[in-house]
Amino acid sequence: LYSFDTSVAREEMDVAVREVEIARSNLERASSKAGTDRSSRADARGLQHRLSQDMARLEAIRERYAKLHVVAPGDGVVIMGEPHALAGRPVRTGEAVVTLADPADNLVRIWLPQDDSIAFDSKRPLTIFLHADSGSSRPAELVYVAAHATEGMDGIYGFMAEAKWLNADGGARLGQK
């Protein structure tokens, strides 16, 4: 989907790889002398511990590096605002960057102004008319109605509801109204 800047992490990983190689080389050197020299045996144990620490640090860096490349868990359509608005600016932890949507599994959002509030029978299918195709209707099933009115984008208070399409091929494209 996208990648964060990897230059600092790549450099950190390269340094950690070199430290593991050096620790491994030092351990091999000390291990070859350990058969004849007691102090080399003690050094080898210390170097083995150092190698284990360096390898654990390298693995942690590799895991962090892998998270800099965000890959979609499956197929879908990326929904995002202006992509150029994100370029070069820091992203805060928890900030939504993109949304991955499955076009075959979309819902219809219904906005019912507070003054037009009616009781819904959740057992009866809804008939949805889209702006883009007002000549035909699509059946849907009510799955959610908000308990309280909230202010909508147009400043009018209303109840938000959601419905799922009853026909898999009868649903609308993402973003239609």
Protein backbone atom coordinates (compact mmCIF):
# COMPACT_ATOMS: atom_id res chain seq x y z
CA LEU A 1 0.00 0.00 0.00
CA TYR A 2 2.75 2.45 1.00
CA SER A 3 6.18 2.69 2.61
CA PHE A 4 7.64 4.99 5.20
CA ASP A 5 11.12 6.46 4.80
CA THR A 6 13.52 3.56 5.35
CA SER A 7 16.87 5.37 5.12
CA VAL A 8 17.52 5.64 8.88
CA ALA A 9 16.23 2.13 9.60
CA ARG A 10 18.29 0.69 6.71
CA GLU A 11 21.46 2.30 8.09
CA GLU A 12 20.66 1.02 11.60
CA MET A 13 20.14 -2.48 10.19
CA ASP A 14 23.44 -2.36 8.25
CA VAL A 15 25.32 -1.38 11.44
CA ALA A 16 23.62 -4.20 13.38
CA VAL A 17 24.55 -6.73 10.66
CA ARG A 18 28.19 -5.64 10.86
CA GLU A 19 28.13 -5.91 14.67
CA VAL A 20 26.81 -9.49 14.42
CA GLU A 21 29.53 -10.38 11.89
CA ILE A 22 32.23 -8.91 14.15
CA ALA A 23 30.85 -10.71 17.23
CA ARG A 24 30.69 -13.99 15.30
CA SER A 25 34.27 -13.57 14.07
CA ASN A 26 35.52 -12.77 17.58
CA LEU A 27 33.70 -15.81 18.97
CA GLU A 28 35.20 -18.10 16.31
CA ARG A 29 38.68 -16.79 17.08
CA ALA A 30 38.22 -17.26 20.84
CA SER A 31 36.62 -20.70 20.36
CA SER A 32 39.60 -21.93 18.33
CA LYS A 33 41.93 -20.95 21.20
CA ALA A 34 39.58 -22.26 23.93
CA GLY A 35 40.88 -25.83 23.67
CA THR A 36 44.34 -24.79 24.95
CA ASP A 37 43.75 -21.61 26.96
CA ARG A 38 41.46 -21.18 30.02
CA SER A 39 41.12 -17.42 29.60
CA SER A 40 40.04 -17.96 25.98
CA ARG A 41 37.26 -20.30 27.21
CA ALA A 42 35.99 -17.56 29.52
CA ASP A 43 36.26 -15.04 26.69
CA ALA A 44 34.32 -17.39 24.40
CA ARG A 45 31.43 -17.57 26.88
CA GLY A 46 31.32 -13.77 27.10
CA LEU A 47 31.54 -13.43 23.32
CA GLN A 48 28.75 -16.02 22.88
CA HIS A 49 26.56 -13.89 25.13
CA ARG A 50 27.51 -10.76 23.15
CA LEU A 51 26.69 -12.51 19.86
CA SER A 52 23.26 -13.55 21.23
CA GLN A 53 22.53 -9.96 22.25
CA ASP A 54 23.62 -8.58 18.88
CA MET A 55 21.52 -11.15 17.01
CA ALA A 56 18.45 -10.31 19.13
CA ARG A 57 18.98 -6.59 18.45
CA LEU A 58 19.34 -7.28 14.71
CA GLU A 59 16.11 -9.31 14.71
CA ALA A 60 14.24 -6.48 16.48
CA ILE A 61 15.56 -3.98 13.92
CA ARG A 62 14.48 -6.27 11.05
CA GLU A 63 10.97 -6.51 12.51
CA ARG A 64 10.72 -2.71 12.80
CA TYR A 65 12.08 -2.35 9.25
CA ALA A 66 9.46 -4.76 7.89
CA LYS A 67 6.72 -2.60 9.42
CA LEU A 68 7.89 0.37 7.34
CA HIS A 69 6.39 -1.35 4.29
CA VAL A 70 2.61 -1.59 4.71
CA VAL A 71 1.12 -4.46 2.71
CA ALA A 72 -2.60 -5.11 2.27
CA PRO A 73 -3.83 -8.28 3.98
CA GLY A 74 -6.02 -9.02 0.95
CA ASP A 75 -7.56 -7.61 -2.20
CA GLY A 76 -9.56 -4.42 -2.07
CA VAL A 77 -9.80 -0.78 -3.03
CA VAL A 78 -7.72 1.87 -1.27
CA ILE A 79 -9.74 4.83 -0.06
CA MET A 80 -7.85 7.93 0.99
CA GLY A 81 -7.96 11.68 0.87
CA GLU A 82 -5.41 13.69 -1.08
CA PRO A 83 -2.32 11.42 -1.38
CA HIS A 84 0.07 14.34 -1.91
CA ALA A 85 -1.00 15.85 1.43
CA LEU A 86 0.80 12.98 3.22
CA ALA A 87 4.07 13.15 1.26
CA GLY A 88 6.97 14.22 3.44
CA ARG A 89 5.01 14.94 6.59
CA PRO A 90 5.30 12.90 9.79
CA VAL A 91 2.47 10.51 10.58
CA ARG A 92 1.31 10.17 14.18
CA THR A 93 0.85 6.79 15.83
CA GLY A 94 -2.74 5.66 15.35
CA GLU A 95 -3.42 8.11 12.52
CA ALA A 96 -5.42 6.58 9.68
CA VAL A 97 -3.47 6.83 6.44
CA VAL A 98 -5.65 4.74 4.13
CA THR A 99 -8.70 2.52 4.34
CA LEU A 100 -8.82 -0.76 2.47
CA ALA A 101 -12.35 -1.64 1.38
CA ASP A 102 -13.76 -4.76 -0.22
CA PRO A 103 -16.07 -3.50 -3.00
CA ALA A 104 -18.17 -6.65 -2.73
CA ASP A 105 -18.79 -6.08 0.97
CA ASN A 106 -20.02 -2.51 1.19
CA LEU A 107 -22.86 -0.98 3.18
CA VAL A 108 -25.22 1.82 2.37
CA ARG A 109 -25.20 4.67 4.86
CA ILE A 110 -28.56 6.33 5.43
CA TRP A 111 -28.91 9.80 6.92
CA LEU A 112 -32.36 10.49 8.28
CA PRO A 113 -32.88 14.12 9.37
CA GLN A 114 -34.24 14.40 12.90
CA ASP A 115 -37.41 16.15 11.69
CA ASP A 116 -38.14 13.23 9.31
CA SER A 117 -37.57 10.55 11.94
CA ILE A 118 -39.73 7.48 11.38
CA ALA A 119 -39.79 4.05 12.98
CA PHE A 120 -38.03 1.39 10.94
CA ASP A 121 -39.20 -2.17 10.79
CA SER A 122 -35.90 -4.04 10.71
CA LYS A 123 -37.60 -7.18 9.36
CA ARG A 124 -38.78 -5.45 6.17
CA PRO A 125 -36.27 -4.91 3.36
CA LEU A 126 -35.45 -1.34 2.39
CA THR A 127 -35.69 0.03 -1.10
CA ILE A 128 -32.64 2.14 -1.91
CA PHE A 129 -32.55 4.71 -4.73
CA LEU A 130 -29.11 6.05 -5.59
CA HIS A 131 -28.51 9.53 -7.00
CA ALA A 132 -26.44 8.10 -9.86
CA ASP A 133 -29.17 5.64 -10.85
CA SER A 134 -32.43 7.09 -9.56
CA GLY A 135 -34.49 5.17 -12.12
CA SER A 136 -33.95 1.84 -10.42
CA SER A 137 -33.96 0.62 -6.86
CA ARG A 138 -31.88 -1.87 -4.94
CA PRO A 139 -33.03 -3.98 -1.97
CA ALA A 140 -31.14 -3.75 1.31
CA GLU A 141 -31.53 -4.93 4.88
CA LEU A 142 -31.28 -2.54 7.83
CA VAL A 143 -28.40 -3.53 10.13
CA TYR A 144 -27.92 -0.45 12.33
CA VAL A 145 -29.80 2.67 13.45
CA ALA A 146 -28.16 5.20 15.80
CA ALA A 147 -29.96 5.69 19.09
CA HIS A 148 -29.23 9.43 19.22
CA ALA A 149 -29.25 12.18 16.66
CA THR A 150 -25.90 13.74 15.75
CA GLU A 151 -24.94 16.74 13.65
CA GLY A 152 -24.32 15.85 10.03
CA MET A 153 -21.81 17.37 7.61
CA ASP A 154 -24.45 19.82 6.42
CA GLY A 155 -25.14 21.02 9.98
CA ILE A 156 -28.52 19.25 10.19
CA TYR A 157 -29.14 16.88 13.09
CA GLY A 158 -30.23 13.39 12.19
CA PHE A 159 -29.93 9.67 12.74
CA MET A 160 -27.31 7.62 10.95
CA ALA A 161 -28.31 4.14 9.82
CA GLU A 162 -26.61 1.43 7.79
CA ALA A 163 -27.97 -1.31 5.59
CA LYS A 164 -26.37 -4.19 3.69
CA TRP A 165 -27.26 -5.07 0.13
CA LEU A 166 -29.47 -8.11 -0.27
CA ASN A 167 -28.11 -8.97 -3.74
CA ALA A 168 -24.34 -9.40 -3.95
CA ASP A 169 -24.29 -8.08 -7.51
CA GLY A 170 -26.93 -5.40 -6.82
CA GLY A 171 -24.81 -3.25 -4.53
CA ALA A 172 -23.49 0.15 -5.47
CA ARG A 173 -19.93 1.12 -6.23
CA LEU A 174 -17.94 2.66 -3.41
CA GLY A 175 -18.60 6.35 -2.95
CA GLN A 176 -21.99 6.50 -4.66
CA LYS A 177 -24.80 8.42 -2.95
